Amino acid sequence: MKLIALDPSTTAMGYAYEGGSGVLRAKGVRPQRLWMMQAELLRLLEITWADTVIYYRPFARGADATRCGWGIAGVIEALAFARLAAVMDITEGTVRKFYNFPKKAPREELKAFARQLAGVTSDDEADAILLYRYAMENVSR
C-alpha cells in the first residue's frame, strides 16, 4: 500500500509519505487557496502514486474557517476518487489515543510533542507525520 497522510488547514497542508514529508502553502483569498491546494495536491498525488489517502477530519471553529476546512476536505476526496485511491478521514482524538496523549491536554502541548517525535519544526508537517505513522500501524492491516 502506498499511503499519503495529509494535515489540511486553511493556509497550509502538511503531508507525509514513504519518501518524505513537507508542507504545501497557499496564499490569497479562500477561492485562490483552494485552487492552489488542489493544484499542489494533484502534483503530489502524481509524484507519490498513493493508492490510499488519509487526512485529519476538519472540525468546527467558526463559519468561514469551517467552510474552508470542509472545502479542502472535498478537494482531497475528489482528487483521491479521480485517482481511484481509497480515502479516509481520521479525528485528532483517534491519533491522540494512539500515542497515549492525554485527551484534555492543551493543543500546544500536542504540537510540541508532535514536533519532537517527528523531528521537524513545522506543526503541519509534524501532524502529518504522526498521522502517517498511525495509519501505517492501523490502516494498512
N, C-alpha and C. Protein backbone atom coordinates (compact mmCIF):
# COMPACT_ATOMS: atom_id res chain seq x y z
N MET A 1 0.84 -1.17 0.00
CA MET A 1 0.00 0.00 0.00
C MET A 1 0.89 1.24 0.00
N LYS A 2 0.58 2.18 -0.88
CA LYS A 2 1.28 3.46 -0.92
C LYS A 2 0.34 4.50 -0.32
N LEU A 3 0.67 4.94 0.86
CA LEU A 3 -0.20 5.81 1.63
C LEU A 3 0.37 7.21 1.71
N ILE A 4 -0.51 8.20 1.67
CA ILE A 4 -0.11 9.57 1.93
C ILE A 4 -1.03 10.13 3.01
N ALA A 5 -0.44 10.79 4.00
CA ALA A 5 -1.19 11.39 5.09
C ALA A 5 -1.17 12.90 4.94
N LEU A 6 -2.32 13.53 5.16
CA LEU A 6 -2.45 14.97 4.96
C LEU A 6 -3.01 15.64 6.21
N ASP A 7 -2.46 16.80 6.53
CA ASP A 7 -2.97 17.64 7.62
C ASP A 7 -3.42 18.96 6.99
N PRO A 8 -4.66 19.02 6.50
CA PRO A 8 -5.10 20.24 5.83
C PRO A 8 -5.50 21.33 6.80
N SER A 9 -5.20 22.57 6.43
CA SER A 9 -5.69 23.74 7.15
C SER A 9 -6.05 24.78 6.10
N THR A 10 -6.44 25.96 6.54
CA THR A 10 -6.90 26.96 5.59
C THR A 10 -5.78 27.62 4.80
N THR A 11 -4.53 27.54 5.28
CA THR A 11 -3.42 28.19 4.56
C THR A 11 -2.27 27.25 4.23
N ALA A 12 -2.27 26.05 4.79
CA ALA A 12 -1.17 25.12 4.57
C ALA A 12 -1.68 23.69 4.68
N MET A 13 -0.92 22.76 4.09
CA MET A 13 -1.27 21.35 4.20
C MET A 13 0.00 20.56 4.41
N GLY A 14 0.14 19.98 5.61
CA GLY A 14 1.26 19.11 5.86
C GLY A 14 1.02 17.77 5.18
N TYR A 15 2.09 17.14 4.71
CA TYR A 15 1.95 15.83 4.08
C TYR A 15 3.11 14.93 4.48
N ALA A 16 2.84 13.64 4.48
CA ALA A 16 3.88 12.66 4.76
C ALA A 16 3.58 11.40 3.96
N TYR A 17 4.61 10.81 3.42
CA TYR A 17 4.50 9.55 2.70
C TYR A 17 5.83 8.82 2.84
N GLU A 18 5.93 7.64 2.25
CA GLU A 18 7.12 6.82 2.43
C GLU A 18 8.40 7.55 2.03
N GLY A 19 8.34 8.41 1.03
CA GLY A 19 9.53 9.08 0.53
C GLY A 19 9.87 10.40 1.18
N GLY A 20 9.05 10.89 2.10
CA GLY A 20 9.36 12.15 2.74
C GLY A 20 8.14 12.86 3.29
N SER A 21 8.35 14.11 3.61
CA SER A 21 7.27 14.93 4.18
C SER A 21 7.55 16.39 3.86
N GLY A 22 6.56 17.22 4.10
CA GLY A 22 6.72 18.65 3.85
C GLY A 22 5.41 19.38 4.07
N VAL A 23 5.37 20.61 3.58
CA VAL A 23 4.19 21.46 3.74
C VAL A 23 3.90 22.16 2.43
N LEU A 24 2.64 22.09 1.99
CA LEU A 24 2.17 22.88 0.85
C LEU A 24 1.58 24.16 1.42
N ARG A 25 1.97 25.30 0.90
CA ARG A 25 1.46 26.58 1.39
C ARG A 25 0.66 27.27 0.30
N ALA A 26 -0.42 27.94 0.71
CA ALA A 26 -1.26 28.67 -0.23
C ALA A 26 -1.54 30.07 0.32
N LYS A 27 -1.52 31.06 -0.56
CA LYS A 27 -1.78 32.44 -0.17
C LYS A 27 -2.93 32.99 -0.99
N GLY A 28 -3.47 34.09 -0.53
CA GLY A 28 -4.56 34.72 -1.26
C GLY A 28 -5.88 34.55 -0.54
N VAL A 29 -6.96 34.92 -1.22
CA VAL A 29 -8.29 34.76 -0.65
C VAL A 29 -8.70 33.30 -0.74
N ARG A 30 -9.73 32.91 -0.03
CA ARG A 30 -10.11 31.49 0.08
C ARG A 30 -10.22 30.76 -1.26
N PRO A 31 -10.93 31.29 -2.25
CA PRO A 31 -11.02 30.55 -3.52
C PRO A 31 -9.65 30.30 -4.15
N GLN A 32 -8.75 31.28 -4.06
CA GLN A 32 -7.40 31.10 -4.60
C GLN A 32 -6.65 30.01 -3.84
N ARG A 33 -6.80 30.00 -2.51
CA ARG A 33 -6.12 28.98 -1.71
C ARG A 33 -6.63 27.59 -2.04
N LEU A 34 -7.94 27.44 -2.20
CA LEU A 34 -8.49 26.13 -2.56
C LEU A 34 -7.95 25.68 -3.92
N TRP A 35 -7.89 26.59 -4.87
CA TRP A 35 -7.38 26.26 -6.19
C TRP A 35 -5.91 25.86 -6.11
N MET A 36 -5.12 26.64 -5.34
CA MET A 36 -3.70 26.33 -5.19
C MET A 36 -3.49 24.98 -4.50
N MET A 37 -4.27 24.72 -3.45
CA MET A 37 -4.16 23.44 -2.75
C MET A 37 -4.51 22.29 -3.70
N GLN A 38 -5.54 22.48 -4.51
CA GLN A 38 -5.93 21.43 -5.46
C GLN A 38 -4.79 21.15 -6.43
N ALA A 39 -4.20 22.18 -6.99
CA ALA A 39 -3.11 22.00 -7.96
C ALA A 39 -1.90 21.32 -7.32
N GLU A 40 -1.53 21.75 -6.12
CA GLU A 40 -0.37 21.18 -5.43
C GLU A 40 -0.64 19.74 -5.00
N LEU A 41 -1.85 19.48 -4.53
CA LEU A 41 -2.18 18.13 -4.11
C LEU A 41 -2.21 17.17 -5.30
N LEU A 42 -2.72 17.62 -6.42
CA LEU A 42 -2.73 16.79 -7.63
C LEU A 42 -1.29 16.43 -8.03
N ARG A 43 -0.40 17.41 -7.99
CA ARG A 43 1.01 17.17 -8.30
C ARG A 43 1.62 16.17 -7.31
N LEU A 44 1.30 16.33 -6.04
CA LEU A 44 1.82 15.43 -5.00
C LEU A 44 1.31 14.00 -5.19
N LEU A 45 0.04 13.85 -5.53
CA LEU A 45 -0.51 12.51 -5.76
C LEU A 45 0.13 11.85 -6.98
N GLU A 46 0.47 12.64 -7.98
CA GLU A 46 1.15 12.08 -9.15
C GLU A 46 2.56 11.64 -8.81
N ILE A 47 3.24 12.39 -7.96
CA ILE A 47 4.61 12.05 -7.57
C ILE A 47 4.64 10.78 -6.70
N THR A 48 3.71 10.67 -5.77
CA THR A 48 3.74 9.58 -4.79
C THR A 48 3.07 8.30 -5.28
N TRP A 49 2.20 8.39 -6.26
CA TRP A 49 1.41 7.25 -6.73
C TRP A 49 0.65 6.61 -5.57
N ALA A 50 0.16 7.44 -4.66
CA ALA A 50 -0.56 6.92 -3.49
C ALA A 50 -1.85 6.22 -3.91
N ASP A 51 -2.09 5.07 -3.28
CA ASP A 51 -3.36 4.39 -3.52
C ASP A 51 -4.29 4.52 -2.31
N THR A 52 -3.80 5.15 -1.25
CA THR A 52 -4.60 5.43 -0.07
C THR A 52 -4.27 6.83 0.43
N VAL A 53 -5.31 7.62 0.66
CA VAL A 53 -5.16 8.98 1.16
C VAL A 53 -5.88 9.06 2.49
N ILE A 54 -5.18 9.52 3.50
CA ILE A 54 -5.78 9.68 4.83
C ILE A 54 -5.53 11.11 5.28
N TYR A 55 -6.55 11.72 5.88
CA TYR A 55 -6.39 13.12 6.30
C TYR A 55 -7.14 13.36 7.60
N TYR A 56 -6.72 14.42 8.31
CA TYR A 56 -7.41 14.82 9.53
C TYR A 56 -8.76 15.43 9.17
N ARG A 57 -9.80 14.95 9.82
CA ARG A 57 -11.14 15.48 9.62
C ARG A 57 -11.21 16.93 10.14
N PRO A 58 -11.74 17.85 9.34
CA PRO A 58 -11.88 19.23 9.82
C PRO A 58 -12.84 19.30 11.00
N PHE A 59 -12.62 20.27 11.87
CA PHE A 59 -13.54 20.45 12.99
C PHE A 59 -14.06 21.88 12.96
N ALA A 60 -15.20 22.08 13.58
CA ALA A 60 -15.86 23.39 13.56
C ALA A 60 -15.11 24.38 14.43
N ARG A 61 -14.78 25.54 13.85
CA ARG A 61 -14.11 26.61 14.60
C ARG A 61 -14.85 27.91 14.46
N GLY A 62 -15.48 28.12 13.37
CA GLY A 62 -16.18 29.36 13.08
C GLY A 62 -16.67 29.26 11.65
N ALA A 63 -17.58 30.07 11.29
CA ALA A 63 -18.27 29.94 10.00
C ALA A 63 -17.32 29.81 8.81
N ASP A 64 -16.48 30.81 8.57
CA ASP A 64 -15.63 30.78 7.38
C ASP A 64 -14.56 29.71 7.44
N ALA A 65 -13.91 29.56 8.59
CA ALA A 65 -12.85 28.56 8.72
C ALA A 65 -13.41 27.15 8.55
N THR A 66 -14.60 26.91 9.06
CA THR A 66 -15.22 25.59 8.93
C THR A 66 -15.54 25.29 7.48
N ARG A 67 -16.14 26.26 6.78
CA ARG A 67 -16.47 26.05 5.36
C ARG A 67 -15.20 25.81 4.55
N CYS A 68 -14.16 26.55 4.82
CA CYS A 68 -12.90 26.37 4.08
C CYS A 68 -12.29 25.00 4.39
N GLY A 69 -12.33 24.58 5.64
CA GLY A 69 -11.80 23.27 6.01
C GLY A 69 -12.53 22.15 5.29
N TRP A 70 -13.85 22.23 5.24
CA TRP A 70 -14.61 21.19 4.54
C TRP A 70 -14.46 21.32 3.03
N GLY A 71 -14.20 22.53 2.54
CA GLY A 71 -13.91 22.69 1.11
C GLY A 71 -12.64 21.97 0.72
N ILE A 72 -11.60 22.11 1.55
CA ILE A 72 -10.34 21.42 1.30
C ILE A 72 -10.55 19.91 1.40
N ALA A 73 -11.35 19.47 2.38
CA ALA A 73 -11.66 18.04 2.50
C ALA A 73 -12.35 17.54 1.23
N GLY A 74 -13.24 18.34 0.68
CA GLY A 74 -13.90 17.97 -0.57
C GLY A 74 -12.93 17.84 -1.72
N VAL A 75 -11.96 18.73 -1.79
CA VAL A 75 -10.93 18.66 -2.83
C VAL A 75 -10.11 17.38 -2.65
N ILE A 76 -9.72 17.07 -1.43
CA ILE A 76 -8.95 15.85 -1.16
C ILE A 76 -9.75 14.62 -1.60
N GLU A 77 -11.01 14.56 -1.20
CA GLU A 77 -11.86 13.41 -1.54
C GLU A 77 -12.01 13.28 -3.06
N ALA A 78 -12.25 14.40 -3.74
CA ALA A 78 -12.45 14.36 -5.19
C ALA A 78 -11.19 13.91 -5.93
N LEU A 79 -10.04 14.46 -5.55
CA LEU A 79 -8.79 14.07 -6.21
C LEU A 79 -8.44 12.61 -5.94
N ALA A 80 -8.67 12.15 -4.72
CA ALA A 80 -8.41 10.74 -4.41
C ALA A 80 -9.33 9.84 -5.23
N PHE A 81 -10.60 10.21 -5.32
CA PHE A 81 -11.56 9.42 -6.11
C PHE A 81 -11.14 9.38 -7.58
N ALA A 82 -10.71 10.52 -8.11
CA ALA A 82 -10.30 10.58 -9.51
C ALA A 82 -9.09 9.69 -9.78
N ARG A 83 -8.25 9.49 -8.79
CA ARG A 83 -7.06 8.64 -8.95
C ARG A 83 -7.33 7.20 -8.51
N LEU A 84 -8.59 6.90 -8.20
CA LEU A 84 -9.02 5.57 -7.75
C LEU A 84 -8.30 5.15 -6.46
N ALA A 85 -8.01 6.11 -5.62
CA ALA A 85 -7.36 5.84 -4.33
C ALA A 85 -8.42 5.76 -3.23
N ALA A 86 -8.19 4.87 -2.29
CA ALA A 86 -9.04 4.82 -1.11
C ALA A 86 -8.79 6.07 -0.30
N VAL A 87 -9.81 6.56 0.37
CA VAL A 87 -9.66 7.79 1.15
C VAL A 87 -10.41 7.65 2.47
N MET A 88 -9.81 8.17 3.53
CA MET A 88 -10.49 8.17 4.82
C MET A 88 -10.04 9.35 5.65
N ASP A 89 -10.96 9.81 6.49
CA ASP A 89 -10.64 10.90 7.40
C ASP A 89 -10.55 10.35 8.83
N ILE A 90 -9.65 10.91 9.60
CA ILE A 90 -9.39 10.48 10.97
C ILE A 90 -9.47 11.70 11.88
N THR A 91 -10.02 11.52 13.06
CA THR A 91 -10.08 12.63 14.00
C THR A 91 -8.75 12.77 14.75
N GLU A 92 -8.51 13.96 15.21
CA GLU A 92 -7.31 14.20 16.01
C GLU A 92 -7.34 13.35 17.28
N GLY A 93 -8.53 13.15 17.85
CA GLY A 93 -8.66 12.34 19.06
C GLY A 93 -8.20 10.92 18.88
N THR A 94 -8.44 10.35 17.71
CA THR A 94 -8.01 8.98 17.41
C THR A 94 -6.48 8.89 17.43
N VAL A 95 -5.83 9.90 16.85
CA VAL A 95 -4.37 9.90 16.82
C VAL A 95 -3.82 10.18 18.22
N ARG A 96 -4.47 11.06 18.98
CA ARG A 96 -4.04 11.31 20.36
C ARG A 96 -4.05 10.01 21.16
N LYS A 97 -5.12 9.25 21.01
CA LYS A 97 -5.26 8.00 21.75
C LYS A 97 -4.16 7.01 21.36
N PHE A 98 -3.84 6.94 20.06
CA PHE A 98 -2.80 6.03 19.57
C PHE A 98 -1.46 6.32 20.24
N TYR A 99 -1.15 7.59 20.44
CA TYR A 99 0.12 7.99 21.05
C TYR A 99 0.02 8.13 22.57
N ASN A 100 -1.10 7.71 23.14
CA ASN A 100 -1.34 7.81 24.59
C ASN A 100 -1.19 9.24 25.10
N PHE A 101 -1.65 10.18 24.30
CA PHE A 101 -1.56 11.59 24.69
C PHE A 101 -2.86 11.96 25.40
N PRO A 102 -2.79 12.62 26.56
CA PRO A 102 -4.00 12.93 27.33
C PRO A 102 -5.04 13.70 26.52
N LYS A 103 -6.29 13.27 26.67
CA LYS A 103 -7.40 13.88 25.92
C LYS A 103 -7.57 15.36 26.26
N LYS A 104 -7.37 15.71 27.52
CA LYS A 104 -7.59 17.10 27.96
C LYS A 104 -6.35 17.98 27.84
N ALA A 105 -5.24 17.44 27.37
CA ALA A 105 -4.01 18.23 27.25
C ALA A 105 -4.20 19.34 26.22
N PRO A 106 -3.63 20.51 26.48
CA PRO A 106 -3.77 21.63 25.54
C PRO A 106 -3.18 21.30 24.16
N ARG A 107 -3.74 21.88 23.15
CA ARG A 107 -3.30 21.66 21.77
C ARG A 107 -1.82 22.02 21.59
N GLU A 108 -1.35 23.06 22.28
CA GLU A 108 0.05 23.47 22.17
C GLU A 108 0.99 22.36 22.64
N GLU A 109 0.58 21.63 23.69
CA GLU A 109 1.40 20.51 24.17
C GLU A 109 1.45 19.40 23.13
N LEU A 110 0.33 19.14 22.47
CA LEU A 110 0.30 18.12 21.42
C LEU A 110 1.20 18.53 20.26
N LYS A 111 1.17 19.82 19.89
CA LYS A 111 2.02 20.30 18.80
C LYS A 111 3.50 20.12 19.15
N ALA A 112 3.87 20.47 20.38
CA ALA A 112 5.26 20.32 20.81
C ALA A 112 5.67 18.84 20.81
N PHE A 113 4.77 17.96 21.28
CA PHE A 113 5.02 16.53 21.28
C PHE A 113 5.21 16.03 19.85
N ALA A 114 4.35 16.48 18.93
CA ALA A 114 4.42 16.05 17.53
C ALA A 114 5.74 16.49 16.89
N ARG A 115 6.13 17.75 17.12
CA ARG A 115 7.39 18.24 16.54
C ARG A 115 8.58 17.46 17.06
N GLN A 116 8.59 17.18 18.36
CA GLN A 116 9.70 16.44 18.96
C GLN A 116 9.75 15.00 18.44
N LEU A 117 8.61 14.33 18.41
CA LEU A 117 8.57 12.94 17.97
C LEU A 117 8.92 12.80 16.49
N ALA A 118 8.43 13.74 15.68
CA ALA A 118 8.66 13.68 14.24
C ALA A 118 10.02 14.24 13.84
N GLY A 119 10.61 15.06 14.70
CA GLY A 119 11.92 15.63 14.40
C GLY A 119 11.88 16.74 13.38
N VAL A 120 10.79 17.50 13.34
CA VAL A 120 10.66 18.63 12.41
C VAL A 120 10.20 19.86 13.18
N THR A 121 10.27 21.03 12.54
CA THR A 121 9.89 22.27 13.22
C THR A 121 8.49 22.75 12.85
N SER A 122 7.94 22.28 11.76
CA SER A 122 6.61 22.73 11.31
C SER A 122 5.51 21.90 11.97
N ASP A 123 4.52 22.59 12.56
CA ASP A 123 3.38 21.89 13.16
C ASP A 123 2.62 21.08 12.12
N ASP A 124 2.40 21.65 10.94
CA ASP A 124 1.65 20.97 9.89
C ASP A 124 2.36 19.69 9.46
N GLU A 125 3.65 19.77 9.25
CA GLU A 125 4.42 18.60 8.83
C GLU A 125 4.46 17.55 9.94
N ALA A 126 4.65 17.98 11.18
CA ALA A 126 4.70 17.05 12.31
C ALA A 126 3.38 16.31 12.46
N ASP A 127 2.26 17.02 12.35
CA ASP A 127 0.95 16.37 12.45
C ASP A 127 0.75 15.35 11.34
N ALA A 128 1.19 15.67 10.13
CA ALA A 128 1.06 14.73 9.01
C ALA A 128 1.93 13.49 9.25
N ILE A 129 3.10 13.67 9.81
CA ILE A 129 3.98 12.52 10.09
C ILE A 129 3.35 11.62 11.15
N LEU A 130 2.78 12.22 12.20
CA LEU A 130 2.12 11.41 13.23
C LEU A 130 0.94 10.64 12.63
N LEU A 131 0.17 11.30 11.77
CA LEU A 131 -0.95 10.64 11.12
C LEU A 131 -0.47 9.50 10.22
N TYR A 132 0.62 9.74 9.50
CA TYR A 132 1.19 8.70 8.64
C TYR A 132 1.61 7.48 9.46
N ARG A 133 2.29 7.72 10.57
CA ARG A 133 2.73 6.60 11.41
C ARG A 133 1.53 5.85 12.00
N TYR A 134 0.51 6.60 12.41
CA TYR A 134 -0.72 5.96 12.90
C TYR A 134 -1.32 5.08 11.80
N ALA A 135 -1.43 5.61 10.60
CA ALA A 135 -2.06 4.89 9.50
C ALA A 135 -1.27 3.64 9.13
N MET A 136 0.04 3.72 9.14
CA MET A 136 0.85 2.55 8.78
C MET A 136 0.66 1.42 9.81
N GLU A 137 0.39 1.78 11.05
CA GLU A 137 0.17 0.77 12.09
C GLU A 137 -1.25 0.22 12.09
N ASN A 138 -2.22 1.05 11.73
CA ASN A 138 -3.62 0.69 11.93
C ASN A 138 -4.44 0.51 10.66
N VAL A 139 -4.16 1.27 9.64
CA VAL A 139 -4.97 1.24 8.43
C VAL A 139 -4.46 0.20 7.46
N SER A 140 -3.17 0.00 7.41
CA SER A 140 -2.58 -0.87 6.40
C SER A 140 -2.74 -2.36 6.70
N ARG A 141 -3.34 -2.69 7.82
CA ARG A 141 -3.51 -4.11 8.17
C ARG A 141 -4.60 -4.75 7.34
